[in-house]
Protein backbone atom coordinates (compact mmCIF):
# COMPACT_ATOMS: atom_id res chain seq x y z
CA UNK A 1 -0.02 0.16 0.31
CA UNK A 2 1.03 3.51 -0.87
CA UNK A 3 1.83 4.90 2.48
CA UNK A 4 2.52 8.75 0.66
CA UNK A 5 -0.74 8.41 -0.94
CA UNK A 6 -2.44 7.62 2.02
CA UNK A 7 -1.42 10.57 3.91
CA UNK A 8 -2.24 12.82 1.51
CA UNK A 9 -6.15 11.41 1.12
CA UNK A 10 -6.21 11.66 4.79
CA UNK A 11 -5.00 15.49 4.61
CA UNK A 12 -6.75 16.27 1.88
CA UNK A 13 -10.27 15.23 3.23
CA UNK A 14 -12.11 15.73 6.56
CA UNK A 15 -13.91 12.42 8.30
CA UNK A 16 -17.93 13.35 8.59
CA UNK A 17 -18.70 11.39 12.14
CA UNK A 18 -22.15 10.76 11.23
CA UNK A 19 -21.92 9.00 8.36
CA UNK A 20 -18.44 7.34 8.45
CA UNK A 21 -17.55 9.36 5.07
CA UNK A 22 -14.32 10.81 4.28
CA UNK A 23 -15.47 14.12 2.39
CA UNK A 24 -12.85 15.52 0.11
CA UNK A 25 -11.54 19.15 0.50
CA UNK A 26 -9.50 19.88 -2.36
CA UNK A 27 -9.99 20.16 -6.12
CA UNK A 28 -13.46 18.78 -7.67
CA UNK A 29 -14.61 18.01 -11.25
CA UNK A 30 -17.96 19.62 -11.37
CA UNK A 31 -20.11 17.03 -10.70
CA UNK A 32 -19.00 16.29 -7.20
CA UNK A 33 -16.38 13.81 -7.38
CA UNK A 34 -13.00 14.66 -6.31
CA UNK A 35 -9.83 15.06 -7.97
CA UNK A 36 -6.31 14.29 -7.44
CA UNK A 37 -2.80 14.68 -9.09
CA UNK A 38 -0.77 11.45 -9.68
CA UNK A 39 2.76 11.01 -10.51
CA UNK A 40 4.27 14.38 -9.91
CA UNK A 41 4.32 17.56 -11.58
CA UNK A 42 3.78 16.23 -14.85
CA UNK A 43 1.29 13.37 -13.47
CA UNK A 44 -2.01 12.48 -14.46
CA UNK A 45 -5.56 13.81 -12.49
CA UNK A 46 -7.58 10.79 -11.68
CA UNK A 47 -10.57 10.35 -9.28
CA UNK A 48 -9.41 10.64 -5.56
CA UNK A 49 -11.87 7.79 -4.28
CA UNK A 50 -9.95 5.59 -7.04
CA UNK A 51 -6.54 6.71 -5.76
CA UNK A 52 -8.12 6.38 -2.38
CA UNK A 53 -9.45 2.59 -2.94
CA UNK A 54 -6.03 1.64 -4.53
CA UNK A 55 -3.39 3.53 -1.30
CA UNK A 56 -5.69 1.96 1.17
CA UNK A 57 -7.12 -1.81 -0.66
CA UNK A 58 -5.13 -2.10 -3.73
CA UNK A 59 -5.72 -2.07 -7.67
CA UNK A 60 -9.38 -1.87 -8.62
CA UNK A 61 -9.79 -4.75 -10.91
CA UNK A 62 -9.52 -4.47 -14.41
CA UNK A 63 -13.10 -3.97 -16.29
CA UNK A 64 -14.66 -2.86 -12.93
CA UNK A 65 -15.82 0.86 -11.70
CA UNK A 66 -16.38 1.64 -7.97
CA UNK A 67 -19.56 2.56 -6.53
CA UNK A 68 -20.08 4.46 -3.57
CA UNK A 69 -22.08 2.58 -1.58
CA UNK A 70 -23.23 5.85 0.84
CA UNK A 71 -24.29 7.70 -2.50
CA UNK A 72 -21.50 10.49 -1.52
CA UNK A 73 -19.43 11.42 -4.39
CA UNK A 74 -16.91 13.21 -2.94
CA UNK A 75 -16.14 10.78 -0.33
CA UNK A 76 -13.13 8.93 -0.33
CA UNK A 77 -13.27 6.63 1.87
CA UNK A 78 -11.98 3.41 0.72
CA UNK A 79 -14.31 1.00 3.00
CA UNK A 80 -17.67 3.03 1.06
CA UNK A 81 -16.22 1.74 -2.13
CA UNK A 82 -17.09 -1.50 -3.99
CA UNK A 83 -15.88 -2.63 -7.19
CA UNK A 84 -18.83 -3.34 -9.56
CA UNK A 85 -19.29 -3.97 -13.52
CA UNK A 86 -20.62 -0.70 -14.93
CA UNK A 87 -23.85 -2.02 -15.19
CA UNK A 88 -24.14 -2.56 -11.60
CA UNK A 89 -23.20 0.60 -10.52
CA UNK A 90 -25.52 2.49 -12.97
CA UNK A 91 -28.35 0.02 -11.84
CA UNK A 92 -27.82 0.79 -8.14
CA UNK A 93 -27.85 4.77 -8.84
CA UNK A 94 -30.92 6.95 -8.75
CA UNK A 95 -29.98 8.27 -12.30
CA UNK A 96 -33.19 7.47 -15.06
CA UNK A 97 -31.68 4.39 -16.42
CA UNK A 98 -31.55 2.84 -13.28
CA UNK A 99 -35.36 4.45 -12.56
CA UNK A 100 -36.42 2.94 -15.58
CA UNK A 101 -34.90 -0.46 -14.64
CA UNK A 102 -36.73 -0.96 -11.39
CA UNK A 103 -40.14 -0.33 -12.55
CA UNK A 104 -42.17 -3.40 -12.75
CA UNK A 105 -45.98 -1.60 -13.98
CA UNK A 106 -46.77 1.42 -15.83
CA UNK A 107 -48.43 4.82 -15.12
CA UNK A 108 -51.35 3.07 -14.62
CA UNK A 109 -50.68 0.41 -13.00
CA UNK A 110 -50.62 -2.38 -15.55
CA UNK A 111 -47.31 -5.10 -14.76
CA UNK A 112 -44.72 -5.02 -17.58
CA UNK A 113 -44.77 -8.62 -18.93
CA UNK A 114 -43.61 -10.47 -22.22
CA UNK A 115 -46.92 -10.12 -23.33
CA UNK A 116 -47.85 -6.33 -23.12
CA UNK A 117 -44.55 -5.18 -23.49
CA UNK A 118 -43.31 -3.42 -26.82
CA UNK A 119 -40.28 -4.24 -28.14
CA UNK A 120 -38.46 -1.90 -30.34
CA UNK A 121 -37.23 -3.83 -33.24
CA UNK A 122 -35.37 -1.10 -35.11
CA UNK A 123 -33.40 -0.52 -32.06
CA UNK A 124 -32.48 -4.38 -31.65
CA UNK A 125 -31.13 -4.44 -35.44
CA UNK A 126 -29.74 -0.89 -35.09
CA UNK A 127 -27.46 -2.23 -32.40
CA UNK A 128 -27.16 -5.71 -33.52
CA UNK A 129 -23.43 -6.61 -34.34
CA UNK A 130 -23.23 -6.95 -38.50
CA UNK A 131 -21.19 -9.83 -39.13
CA UNK A 132 -18.67 -8.11 -42.06
CA UNK A 133 -18.74 -11.34 -44.20
CA UNK A 134 -22.77 -10.66 -44.91
CA UNK A 135 -21.77 -7.11 -46.48
CA UNK A 136 -24.74 -5.46 -45.17
CA UNK A 137 -24.75 -1.72 -45.04
CA UNK A 138 -27.15 0.99 -44.38
CA UNK A 139 -29.38 0.59 -47.00
CA UNK A 140 -29.71 -3.40 -46.51
CA UNK A 141 -30.67 -2.57 -42.47
CA UNK A 142 -33.21 -0.46 -43.84
CA UNK A 143 -35.27 -2.58 -46.42
CA UNK A 144 -34.69 -5.57 -43.61
CA UNK A 145 -36.29 -3.00 -41.20
CA UNK A 146 -39.10 -1.98 -43.84
CA UNK A 147 -39.90 -5.68 -44.02
CA UNK A 148 -40.15 -6.17 -40.70
CA UNK A 149 -42.38 -3.18 -40.07
CA UNK A 150 -44.57 -4.43 -42.84
CA UNK A 151 -45.15 -7.71 -41.84
CA UNK A 152 -45.78 -6.46 -38.22
CA UNK A 153 -48.67 -3.87 -39.33
CA UNK A 154 -50.26 -6.59 -41.70
CA UNK A 155 -50.05 -8.57 -38.72
CA UNK A 156 -51.99 -6.24 -36.92
CA UNK A 157 -54.32 -5.50 -39.50
CA UNK A 158 -55.38 -9.36 -39.41
CA UNK A 159 -55.92 -9.23 -35.95
CA UNK A 160 -58.03 -5.97 -35.80
CA UNK A 161 -59.98 -7.54 -38.95
CA UNK A 162 -60.55 -10.98 -36.77
CA UNK A 163 -62.08 -8.81 -33.53
CA UNK A 164 -64.68 -7.03 -36.12
């Protein structure tokens, strides 16, 4: 563990006795996260909570982000930080993506089920990773999408015709 960095983190933060957070008092990035320069005068600027975790606990595993379990962005207490995937970090948060992922019913109280949730086929195709060997371009995708939309519309019309 990096004792010099540990001392620096402790010097640039203040403990909050009620929550146990170590509140960062130095530079921040405008979104509430602390910044710290590492590597001397020409070093890199990194997030203070990441520097704290690495100084006190070790390297963050590759491919993982640090989640603030306390939900306080300026906290640098390594005991309040947990390495998680980016997806897990987002889903644990309070942003619109996390809020929507937690929804189980619509605004009118109808539960979301496979039968009643509209699936946006265009987005699925747009996000699909195309095999280079297929030679598909944007026009091919558009034709395929138009075909799917037409087929869906025809199915819908047949269903409406059966109901009347």
